[in-house]
Amino acid sequence: MKQLALDFTSPPQPTLDNFVAGLNGELLGNLKRLAAENARERCFFLWGPLGCGRSHLLRGTVAALRSEGAAATYLACAAGIRIEAGLEHMDCVALDDVDRLDGEGQVAAFDLYNALRENGGVMLASAGEPPARLKLREDLATRLAWGLVYQVRALTDENKAQALADRAASRGFQLAPEVSAYLLTRARRDLPTLLATLDALDRYSLETRRPVTVPLARELLHAATRQDPGSRIQDAAAGARD
């Protein structure tokens, strides 16, 4: 097997258009209105477990705003990170994992929220829990709860299967239900990895001139582990041995 067939490409940059909404249609619609400068809310708070898509939505909204000429930035929060001066003049600031900020960072986020609100800007924020359950300064948690608060709901297997089918169609082939089911039970379950796996499977199918089938998927995942044990599909390939 050629090395090229195992080149699991990085997923595309997150946008609002390539986010699979599932049960998050209202949230996605509001963020698109924000990007089109048709939203009145000054704060959006998104919460949910890792892998649910909240980071995708924050990054995608920032990208959409920038494409419209707005000044927007994304910041992955962590202990010790500093919120730079001048962000209060942005049109939008997205603070991802705001619950990871240390005490000084929380003070800066509180001040930034107030300044953005005064200047007509928007704050997007995310965390693993809703504001009322976060271990943050009470004044910051209160501010974050003032705007629209959404739980980002994880995709169901049906949503993921549809996303795989749509991706296959965009690449010019029809994905058999049994192949989709195999990937959902043997591959890592986050959507970016599933889509990257499907892309690699399509390339391997073209190289070997064989149709996309369960045996072909199993062969690809086995070979990926042998060739690159540290790859990001290692878990998927390990499961495929079962």
C-alpha atoms as a PDB file:
ATOM      1  CA  MET A   1       0.000   0.000   0.000  1.00  0.00           C
ATOM      2  CA  LYS A   2       1.364   3.402  -0.959  1.00  0.00           C
ATOM      3  CA  GLN A   3       2.082   5.999   1.681  1.00  0.00           C
ATOM      4  CA  LEU A   4      -0.296   8.398  -0.060  1.00  0.00           C
ATOM      5  CA  ALA A   5      -3.264   6.188   0.679  1.00  0.00           C
ATOM      6  CA  LEU A   6      -2.619   6.519   4.390  1.00  0.00           C
ATOM      7  CA  ASP A   7      -2.226  10.277   4.368  1.00  0.00           C
ATOM      8  CA  PHE A   8      -5.205  11.139   6.546  1.00  0.00           C
ATOM      9  CA  THR A   9      -5.557  14.790   5.730  1.00  0.00           C
ATOM     10  CA  SER A  10      -6.446  17.359   8.340  1.00  0.00           C
ATOM     11  CA  PRO A  11     -10.129  18.255   8.407  1.00  0.00           C
ATOM     12  CA  PRO A  12     -11.136  21.476   6.653  1.00  0.00           C
ATOM     13  CA  GLN A  13     -11.131  24.717   8.585  1.00  0.00           C
ATOM     14  CA  PRO A  14     -14.314  25.034  10.672  1.00  0.00           C
ATOM     15  CA  THR A  15     -17.006  27.229   9.167  1.00  0.00           C
ATOM     16  CA  LEU A  16     -20.663  27.733   9.898  1.00  0.00           C
ATOM     17  CA  ASP A  17     -21.485  26.132   6.561  1.00  0.00           C
ATOM     18  CA  ASN A  18     -19.631  22.883   7.234  1.00  0.00           C
ATOM     19  CA  PHE A  19     -21.052  22.474  10.743  1.00  0.00           C
ATOM     20  CA  VAL A  20     -23.524  19.584  10.879  1.00  0.00           C
ATOM     21  CA  ALA A  21     -26.369  21.117  12.872  1.00  0.00           C
ATOM     22  CA  GLY A  22     -28.212  18.045  14.102  1.00  0.00           C
ATOM     23  CA  LEU A  23     -30.299  19.320  17.033  1.00  0.00           C
ATOM     24  CA  ASN A  24     -28.493  22.684  17.018  1.00  0.00           C
ATOM     25  CA  GLY A  25     -30.422  24.317  14.196  1.00  0.00           C
ATOM     26  CA  GLU A  26     -31.653  27.306  16.209  1.00  0.00           C
ATOM     27  CA  LEU A  27     -28.179  28.016  17.558  1.00  0.00           C
ATOM     28  CA  LEU A  28     -26.598  27.770  14.111  1.00  0.00           C
ATOM     29  CA  GLY A  29     -29.224  30.093  12.675  1.00  0.00           C
ATOM     30  CA  ASN A  30     -28.590  32.715  15.347  1.00  0.00           C
ATOM     31  CA  LEU A  31     -24.832  32.575  14.801  1.00  0.00           C
ATOM     32  CA  LYS A  32     -25.332  33.006  11.061  1.00  0.00           C
ATOM     33  CA  ARG A  33     -27.490  36.052  11.760  1.00  0.00           C
ATOM     34  CA  LEU A  34     -24.728  37.373  14.001  1.00  0.00           C
ATOM     35  CA  ALA A  35     -22.190  36.879  11.216  1.00  0.00           C
ATOM     36  CA  ALA A  36     -24.503  38.778   8.865  1.00  0.00           C
ATOM     37  CA  GLU A  37     -24.733  41.564  11.475  1.00  0.00           C
ATOM     38  CA  ASN A  38     -28.449  40.934  11.952  1.00  0.00           C
ATOM     39  CA  ALA A  39     -28.306  39.905  15.607  1.00  0.00           C
ATOM     40  CA  ARG A  40     -29.096  42.147  18.566  1.00  0.00           C
ATOM     41  CA  GLU A  41     -27.588  39.931  21.265  1.00  0.00           C
ATOM     42  CA  ARG A  42     -24.277  41.070  22.729  1.00  0.00           C
ATOM     43  CA  CYS A  43     -23.303  37.706  24.231  1.00  0.00           C
ATOM     44  CA  PHE A  44     -23.647  34.077  23.219  1.00  0.00           C
ATOM     45  CA  PHE A  45     -22.650  31.320  25.625  1.00  0.00           C
ATOM     46  CA  LEU A  46     -22.246  27.771  24.305  1.00  0.00           C
ATOM     47  CA  TRP A  47     -21.777  24.803  26.592  1.00  0.00           C
ATOM     48  CA  GLY A  48     -21.378  21.068  26.197  1.00  0.00           C
ATOM     49  CA  PRO A  49     -18.820  18.247  26.489  1.00  0.00           C
ATOM     50  CA  LEU A  50     -15.619  18.042  24.480  1.00  0.00           C
ATOM     51  CA  GLY A  51     -16.299  17.005  20.921  1.00  0.00           C
ATOM     52  CA  CYS A  52     -19.816  18.424  20.754  1.00  0.00           C
ATOM     53  CA  GLY A  53     -18.799  21.148  18.288  1.00  0.00           C
ATOM     54  CA  ARG A  54     -18.737  24.321  20.383  1.00  0.00           C
ATOM     55  CA  SER A  55     -15.155  25.160  19.349  1.00  0.00           C
ATOM     56  CA  HIS A  56     -16.125  24.615  15.718  1.00  0.00           C
ATOM     57  CA  LEU A  57     -18.993  27.072  16.108  1.00  0.00           C
ATOM     58  CA  LEU A  58     -16.839  29.733  17.755  1.00  0.00           C
ATOM     59  CA  ARG A  59     -14.117  29.435  15.121  1.00  0.00           C
ATOM     60  CA  GLY A  60     -16.672  29.313  12.340  1.00  0.00           C
ATOM     61  CA  THR A  61     -18.450  32.441  13.557  1.00  0.00           C
ATOM     62  CA  VAL A  62     -15.181  34.348  13.800  1.00  0.00           C
ATOM     63  CA  ALA A  63     -14.261  33.253  10.269  1.00  0.00           C
ATOM     64  CA  ALA A  64     -17.680  34.325   8.950  1.00  0.00           C
ATOM     65  CA  LEU A  65     -17.419  37.732  10.604  1.00  0.00           C
ATOM     66  CA  ARG A  66     -13.937  38.266   9.200  1.00  0.00           C
ATOM     67  CA  SER A  67     -15.175  37.401   5.720  1.00  0.00           C
ATOM     68  CA  GLU A  68     -17.672  40.255   6.098  1.00  0.00           C
ATOM     69  CA  GLY A  69     -14.919  42.672   7.087  1.00  0.00           C
ATOM     70  CA  ALA A  70     -15.569  42.634  10.838  1.00  0.00           C
ATOM     71  CA  ALA A  71     -12.779  42.650  13.407  1.00  0.00           C
ATOM     72  CA  ALA A  72     -13.131  39.319  15.182  1.00  0.00           C
ATOM     73  CA  THR A  73     -10.754  37.031  17.036  1.00  0.00           C
ATOM     74  CA  TYR A  74     -10.735  33.610  18.682  1.00  0.00           C
ATOM     75  CA  LEU A  75      -8.886  32.821  21.899  1.00  0.00           C
ATOM     76  CA  ALA A  76      -8.437  29.368  23.417  1.00  0.00           C
ATOM     77  CA  CYS A  77      -8.469  29.984  27.164  1.00  0.00           C
ATOM     78  CA  ALA A  78      -6.083  28.357  29.620  1.00  0.00           C
ATOM     79  CA  ALA A  79      -4.546  29.093  32.992  1.00  0.00           C
ATOM     80  CA  GLY A  80      -1.873  31.734  32.592  1.00  0.00           C
ATOM     81  CA  ILE A  81      -3.143  33.066  29.286  1.00  0.00           C
ATOM     82  CA  ARG A  82      -3.429  36.830  29.072  1.00  0.00           C
ATOM     83  CA  ILE A  83      -6.257  38.689  27.369  1.00  0.00           C
ATOM     84  CA  GLU A  84      -4.469  41.398  25.443  1.00  0.00           C
ATOM     85  CA  ALA A  85      -5.322  45.069  25.679  1.00  0.00           C
ATOM     86  CA  GLY A  86      -7.200  46.419  22.700  1.00  0.00           C
ATOM     87  CA  LEU A  87      -9.630  43.543  22.280  1.00  0.00           C
ATOM     88  CA  GLU A  88     -12.372  45.760  23.667  1.00  0.00           C
ATOM     89  CA  HIS A  89     -12.366  47.557  20.309  1.00  0.00           C
ATOM     90  CA  MET A  90     -13.089  44.390  18.319  1.00  0.00           C
ATOM     91  CA  ASP A  91     -16.486  43.659  16.822  1.00  0.00           C
ATOM     92  CA  CYS A  92     -16.415  40.176  18.324  1.00  0.00           C
ATOM     93  CA  VAL A  93     -14.182  38.205  20.695  1.00  0.00           C
ATOM     94  CA  ALA A  94     -14.640  34.442  21.130  1.00  0.00           C
ATOM     95  CA  LEU A  95     -13.332  32.958  24.378  1.00  0.00           C
ATOM     96  CA  ASP A  96     -13.263  29.172  24.159  1.00  0.00           C
ATOM     97  CA  ASP A  97     -13.152  27.102  27.375  1.00  0.00           C
ATOM     98  CA  VAL A  98     -13.614  30.212  29.506  1.00  0.00           C
ATOM     99  CA  ASP A  99     -13.789  27.986  32.582  1.00  0.00           C
ATOM    100  CA  ARG A 100     -10.048  27.339  32.219  1.00  0.00           C
ATOM    101  CA  LEU A 101      -9.122  30.953  32.980  1.00  0.00           C
ATOM    102  CA  ASP A 102      -7.249  31.592  36.211  1.00  0.00           C
ATOM    103  CA  GLY A 103      -8.189  34.401  38.591  1.00  0.00           C
ATOM    104  CA  GLU A 104      -6.374  37.132  36.681  1.00  0.00           C
ATOM    105  CA  GLY A 105      -7.806  35.901  33.407  1.00  0.00           C
ATOM    106  CA  GLN A 106     -11.322  35.966  34.817  1.00  0.00           C
ATOM    107  CA  VAL A 107     -10.915  39.583  35.895  1.00  0.00           C
ATOM    108  CA  ALA A 108      -9.712  40.447  32.378  1.00  0.00           C
ATOM    109  CA  ALA A 109     -12.638  38.571  30.811  1.00  0.00           C
ATOM    110  CA  PHE A 110     -15.095  40.429  33.049  1.00  0.00           C
ATOM    111  CA  ASP A 111     -13.596  43.788  32.068  1.00  0.00           C
ATOM    112  CA  LEU A 112     -13.570  42.765  28.404  1.00  0.00           C
ATOM    113  CA  TYR A 113     -17.226  41.764  28.530  1.00  0.00           C
ATOM    114  CA  ASN A 114     -18.237  45.147  29.938  1.00  0.00           C
ATOM    115  CA  ALA A 115     -16.094  47.057  27.440  1.00  0.00           C
ATOM    116  CA  LEU A 116     -17.410  45.108  24.455  1.00  0.00           C
ATOM    117  CA  ARG A 117     -20.965  45.681  25.575  1.00  0.00           C
ATOM    118  CA  GLU A 118     -20.334  49.403  25.962  1.00  0.00           C
ATOM    119  CA  ASN A 119     -18.662  49.608  22.549  1.00  0.00           C
ATOM    120  CA  GLY A 120     -21.330  47.605  20.735  1.00  0.00           C
ATOM    121  CA  GLY A 121     -19.203  44.508  20.355  1.00  0.00           C
ATOM    122  CA  VAL A 122     -20.141  40.873  20.911  1.00  0.00           C
ATOM    123  CA  MET A 123     -18.628  38.235  23.168  1.00  0.00           C
ATOM    124  CA  LEU A 124     -18.870  34.563  22.338  1.00  0.00           C
ATOM    125  CA  ALA A 125     -17.883  32.201  25.118  1.00  0.00           C
ATOM    126  CA  SER A 126     -17.909  28.478  25.708  1.00  0.00           C
ATOM    127  CA  ALA A 127     -17.367  25.988  28.511  1.00  0.00           C
ATOM    128  CA  GLY A 128     -18.227  22.458  29.508  1.00  0.00           C
ATOM    129  CA  GLU A 129     -21.088  23.552  31.776  1.00  0.00           C
ATOM    130  CA  PRO A 130     -23.672  26.365  31.797  1.00  0.00           C
ATOM    131  CA  PRO A 131     -22.645  29.617  33.513  1.00  0.00           C
ATOM    132  CA  ALA A 132     -24.500  28.857  36.768  1.00  0.00           C
ATOM    133  CA  ARG A 133     -22.464  25.666  37.274  1.00  0.00           C
ATOM    134  CA  LEU A 134     -19.035  27.068  36.467  1.00  0.00           C
ATOM    135  CA  LYS A 135     -16.415  27.711  39.135  1.00  0.00           C
ATOM    136  CA  LEU A 136     -15.889  31.282  38.011  1.00  0.00           C
ATOM    137  CA  ARG A 137     -16.099  34.662  39.693  1.00  0.00           C
ATOM    138  CA  GLU A 138     -19.764  35.295  40.378  1.00  0.00           C
ATOM    139  CA  ASP A 139     -19.753  38.605  38.513  1.00  0.00           C
ATOM    140  CA  LEU A 140     -18.274  36.994  35.385  1.00  0.00           C
ATOM    141  CA  ALA A 141     -20.639  34.014  35.504  1.00  0.00           C
ATOM    142  CA  THR A 142     -23.575  36.412  35.861  1.00  0.00           C
ATOM    143  CA  ARG A 143     -22.497  38.447  32.834  1.00  0.00           C
ATOM    144  CA  LEU A 144     -22.060  35.324  30.701  1.00  0.00           C
ATOM    145  CA  ALA A 145     -25.613  34.267  31.530  1.00  0.00           C
ATOM    146  CA  TRP A 146     -27.095  37.591  30.409  1.00  0.00           C
ATOM    147  CA  GLY A 147     -27.079  36.716  26.719  1.00  0.00           C
ATOM    148  CA  LEU A 148     -28.261  33.674  24.808  1.00  0.00           C
ATOM    149  CA  VAL A 149     -27.160  30.439  26.486  1.00  0.00           C
ATOM    150  CA  TYR A 150     -27.200  27.277  24.382  1.00  0.00           C
ATOM    151  CA  GLN A 151     -26.344  23.688  25.100  1.00  0.00           C
ATOM    152  CA  VAL A 152     -24.524  22.319  22.058  1.00  0.00           C
ATOM    153  CA  ARG A 153     -26.026  18.891  21.594  1.00  0.00           C
ATOM    154  CA  ALA A 154     -23.803  16.102  20.312  1.00  0.00           C
ATOM    155  CA  LEU A 155     -24.644  14.496  16.991  1.00  0.00           C
ATOM    156  CA  THR A 156     -26.571  11.256  16.996  1.00  0.00           C
ATOM    157  CA  ASP A 157     -25.322   8.262  15.021  1.00  0.00           C
ATOM    158  CA  GLU A 158     -28.015   9.061  12.464  1.00  0.00           C
ATOM    159  CA  ASN A 159     -26.626  12.600  12.089  1.00  0.00           C
ATOM    160  CA  LYS A 160     -23.094  11.242  11.651  1.00  0.00           C
ATOM    161  CA  ALA A 161     -24.227   8.639   9.140  1.00  0.00           C
ATOM    162  CA  GLN A 162     -25.927  11.376   7.130  1.00  0.00           C
ATOM    163  CA  ALA A 163     -22.794  13.537   7.281  1.00  0.00           C
ATOM    164  CA  LEU A 164     -20.724  10.594   5.987  1.00  0.00           C
ATOM    165  CA  ALA A 165     -23.231   9.969   3.197  1.00  0.00           C
ATOM    166  CA  ASP A 166     -23.193  13.645   2.224  1.00  0.00           C
ATOM    167  CA  ARG A 167     -19.380  13.696   2.217  1.00  0.00           C
ATOM    168  CA  ALA A 168     -19.283  10.600   0.027  1.00  0.00           C
ATOM    169  CA  ALA A 169     -21.773  12.163  -2.383  1.00  0.00           C
ATOM    170  CA  SER A 170     -19.627  15.311  -2.595  1.00  0.00           C
ATOM    171  CA  ARG A 171     -16.694  13.074  -3.573  1.00  0.00           C
ATOM    172  CA  GLY A 172     -18.720  11.349  -6.272  1.00  0.00           C
ATOM    173  CA  PHE A 173     -19.716   8.014  -4.806  1.00  0.00           C
ATOM    174  CA  GLN A 174     -22.566   6.482  -2.832  1.00  0.00           C
ATOM    175  CA  LEU A 175     -21.705   5.196   0.623  1.00  0.00           C
ATOM    176  CA  ALA A 176     -23.280   1.855   1.441  1.00  0.00           C
ATOM    177  CA  PRO A 177     -25.083   1.793   4.817  1.00  0.00           C
ATOM    178  CA  GLU A 178     -22.950  -1.127   6.018  1.00  0.00           C
ATOM    179  CA  VAL A 179     -19.746   0.856   5.433  1.00  0.00           C
ATOM    180  CA  SER A 180     -21.149   3.807   7.349  1.00  0.00           C
ATOM    181  CA  ALA A 181     -22.156   1.494  10.197  1.00  0.00           C
ATOM    182  CA  TYR A 182     -18.688  -0.077  10.225  1.00  0.00           C
ATOM    183  CA  LEU A 183     -16.946   3.292  10.498  1.00  0.00           C
ATOM    184  CA  LEU A 184     -19.301   4.381  13.272  1.00  0.00           C
ATOM    185  CA  THR A 185     -18.504   1.284  15.324  1.00  0.00           C
ATOM    186  CA  ARG A 186     -14.799   0.894  14.505  1.00  0.00           C
ATOM    187  CA  ALA A 187     -13.474   4.436  13.992  1.00  0.00           C
ATOM    188  CA  ARG A 188     -13.026   7.272  16.451  1.00  0.00           C
ATOM    189  CA  ARG A 189     -16.451   8.785  16.829  1.00  0.00           C
ATOM    190  CA  ASP A 190     -15.714  12.504  16.504  1.00  0.00           C
ATOM    191  CA  LEU A 191     -16.994  13.799  13.177  1.00  0.00           C
ATOM    192  CA  PRO A 192     -13.728  15.357  11.890  1.00  0.00           C
ATOM    193  CA  THR A 193     -11.918  12.017  12.256  1.00  0.00           C
ATOM    194  CA  LEU A 194     -14.807  10.116  10.686  1.00  0.00           C
ATOM    195  CA  LEU A 195     -14.793  12.448   7.675  1.00  0.00           C
ATOM    196  CA  ALA A 196     -11.000  12.288   7.360  1.00  0.00           C
ATOM    197  CA  THR A 197     -11.232   8.484   7.466  1.00  0.00           C
ATOM    198  CA  LEU A 198     -13.835   8.517   4.712  1.00  0.00           C
ATOM    199  CA  ASP A 199     -11.641  10.786   2.572  1.00  0.00           C
ATOM    200  CA  ALA A 200      -8.691   8.419   2.996  1.00  0.00           C
ATOM    201  CA  LEU A 201     -10.913   5.464   2.172  1.00  0.00           C
ATOM    202  CA  ASP A 202     -12.024   7.163  -1.041  1.00  0.00           C
ATOM    203  CA  ARG A 203      -8.404   7.828  -2.067  1.00  0.00           C
ATOM    204  CA  TYR A 204      -7.454   4.228  -1.317  1.00  0.00           C
ATOM    205  CA  SER A 205     -10.427   3.006  -3.332  1.00  0.00           C
ATOM    206  CA  LEU A 206      -9.295   5.054  -6.331  1.00  0.00           C
ATOM    207  CA  GLU A 207      -5.690   3.878  -6.023  1.00  0.00           C
ATOM    208  CA  THR A 208      -6.610   0.204  -5.788  1.00  0.00           C
ATOM    209  CA  ARG A 209      -9.518   0.481  -8.224  1.00  0.00           C
ATOM    210  CA  ARG A 210     -11.751  -1.297  -5.761  1.00  0.00           C
ATOM    211  CA  PRO A 211     -15.164  -0.173  -4.520  1.00  0.00           C
ATOM    212  CA  VAL A 212     -15.630   1.253  -1.040  1.00  0.00           C
ATOM    213  CA  THR A 213     -16.685  -1.737   1.026  1.00  0.00           C
ATOM    214  CA  VAL A 214     -16.351  -2.947   4.607  1.00  0.00           C
ATOM    215  CA  PRO A 215     -13.351  -5.195   3.730  1.00  0.00           C
ATOM    216  CA  LEU A 216     -11.619  -2.241   2.080  1.00  0.00           C
ATOM    217  CA  ALA A 217     -12.250  -0.058   5.161  1.00  0.00           C
ATOM    218  CA  ARG A 218     -10.926  -2.778   7.454  1.00  0.00           C
ATOM    219  CA  GLU A 219      -7.822  -3.194   5.282  1.00  0.00           C
ATOM    220  CA  LEU A 220      -7.123   0.534   5.321  1.00  0.00           C
ATOM    221  CA  LEU A 221      -7.435   0.848   9.075  1.00  0.00           C
ATOM    222  CA  HIS A 222      -5.228  -2.203   9.695  1.00  0.00           C
ATOM    223  CA  ALA A 223      -2.566  -0.880   7.342  1.00  0.00           C
ATOM    224  CA  ALA A 224      -2.704   2.573   8.915  1.00  0.00           C
ATOM    225  CA  THR A 225      -1.808   1.122  12.308  1.00  0.00           C
ATOM    226  CA  ARG A 226       1.058  -0.953  10.912  1.00  0.00           C
ATOM    227  CA  GLN A 227       2.480   1.995   9.006  1.00  0.00           C
ATOM    228  CA  ASP A 228       1.981   4.733  11.616  1.00  0.00           C
ATOM    229  CA  PRO A 229       1.162   3.438  15.111  1.00  0.00           C
ATOM    230  CA  GLY A 230       1.024   7.008  16.412  1.00  0.00           C
ATOM    231  CA  SER A 231      -1.478   8.265  13.888  1.00  0.00           C
ATOM    232  CA  ARG A 232      -4.687   9.929  14.999  1.00  0.00           C
ATOM    233  CA  ILE A 233      -6.690   6.948  13.742  1.00  0.00           C
ATOM    234  CA  GLN A 234      -4.822   4.479  15.922  1.00  0.00           C
ATOM    235  CA  ASP A 235      -7.869   3.965  18.114  1.00  0.00           C
ATOM    236  CA  ALA A 236     -10.004   3.363  15.066  1.00  0.00           C
ATOM    237  CA  ALA A 237      -7.648   0.814  13.603  1.00  0.00           C
ATOM    238  CA  ALA A 238      -7.313  -0.976  16.924  1.00  0.00           C
ATOM    239  CA  GLY A 239     -11.084  -1.318  17.079  1.00  0.00           C
ATOM    240  CA  ALA A 240     -11.161  -2.665  13.550  1.00  0.00           C
ATOM    241  CA  ARG A 241      -9.245  -5.751  14.658  1.00  0.00           C
ATOM    242  CA  ASP A 242     -12.267  -6.942  16.595  1.00  0.00           C
END
